[in-house]
Every structure is written in structure tokens, then in C-alpha cells.
Amino acid sequence: MYYSETKVIMGGLAHVPILIFIANFVKGKFESIAAKLIEVKEEDPKVKVVKVEKEELKA
């Protein structure tokens, strides 16, 4: 049985709200997971810089 072009378009348009609902549901799940994650703060390493003279390197 063949479907008219109008029925095919109407069927496609009827599924658009369902696809939008699924996309928003998945987006909401990822946002809730991201809210639970702990943000790691980047800190500068605590390194003591020692100045060495060129003459000391040759020895």
C-alpha cells in the first residue's frame, strides 16, 4: 500500500515533538551529571628556583 505525500509529511511532522522531547531528556541527564562533577582547580607547582652561576657549571 502506497502512502500519499501528505500522509508521509504529516507522519514526519508528528514525530518532531517526540524527537525534541528525547533530545531535551538526554540534555537534562548530561546537565545533572555535569552539576555533580567537582571542578579541579589548577594550581602553580611550588618549585624553589635556584640560581646557578656559569662558573659552577663548568666544575
Protein backbone atom coordinates (compact mmCIF):
# COMPACT_ATOMS: atom_id res chain seq x y z
CA MET A 1 0.00 0.00 0.00
CA TYR A 2 1.36 3.37 -1.00
CA TYR A 3 1.01 6.49 1.11
CA SER A 4 0.28 9.88 -0.29
CA GLU A 5 2.88 12.61 0.07
CA THR A 6 0.58 14.43 2.53
CA LYS A 7 0.37 11.43 4.86
CA VAL A 8 4.16 10.99 4.80
CA ILE A 9 4.74 14.67 5.66
CA MET A 10 2.08 14.59 8.39
CA GLY A 11 3.66 11.47 9.89
CA GLY A 12 7.09 13.11 9.86
CA LEU A 13 5.78 16.26 11.50
CA ALA A 14 4.00 14.20 14.15
CA HIS A 15 7.33 12.71 15.22
CA VAL A 16 9.17 16.03 15.59
CA PRO A 17 7.83 16.76 19.11
CA ILE A 18 8.81 13.25 20.19
CA LEU A 19 12.37 13.76 18.92
CA ILE A 20 12.57 17.15 20.65
CA PHE A 21 11.41 15.56 23.91
CA ILE A 22 14.06 12.82 23.66
CA ALA A 23 16.80 15.38 22.87
CA ASN A 24 15.82 17.55 25.85
CA PHE A 25 15.66 14.49 28.12
CA VAL A 26 19.20 13.44 27.16
CA LYS A 27 20.44 17.03 27.51
CA GLY A 28 18.93 17.23 31.00
CA LYS A 29 20.63 13.99 32.05
CA PHE A 30 24.03 15.30 30.97
CA GLU A 31 23.46 18.62 32.75
CA SER A 32 22.61 16.85 36.01
CA ILE A 33 25.72 14.67 35.71
CA ALA A 34 27.87 17.75 34.99
CA ALA A 35 26.47 19.51 38.05
CA LYS A 36 27.61 16.62 40.27
CA LEU A 37 31.19 16.72 39.00
CA ILE A 38 33.76 18.51 41.11
CA GLU A 39 35.78 21.13 39.34
CA VAL A 40 39.51 20.67 39.79
CA LYS A 41 41.40 23.90 40.32
CA GLU A 42 44.74 24.23 38.60
CA GLU A 43 47.49 25.43 40.88
CA ASP A 44 51.01 26.55 40.11
CA PRO A 45 53.59 23.99 41.16
CA LYS A 46 55.56 25.01 44.24
CA VAL A 47 59.12 24.80 42.97
CA LYS A 48 62.11 26.52 44.50
CA VAL A 49 64.21 28.17 41.81
CA VAL A 50 67.95 28.09 42.47
CA LYS A 51 70.18 30.45 40.55
CA VAL A 52 73.41 28.76 39.42
CA GLU A 53 76.43 30.70 38.18
CA LYS A 54 78.05 29.62 34.89
CA GLU A 55 81.41 29.04 36.59
CA GLU A 56 79.85 26.49 38.95
CA LEU A 57 78.51 24.51 35.99
CA LYS A 58 82.00 24.05 34.46
CA ALA A 59 83.42 22.43 37.58
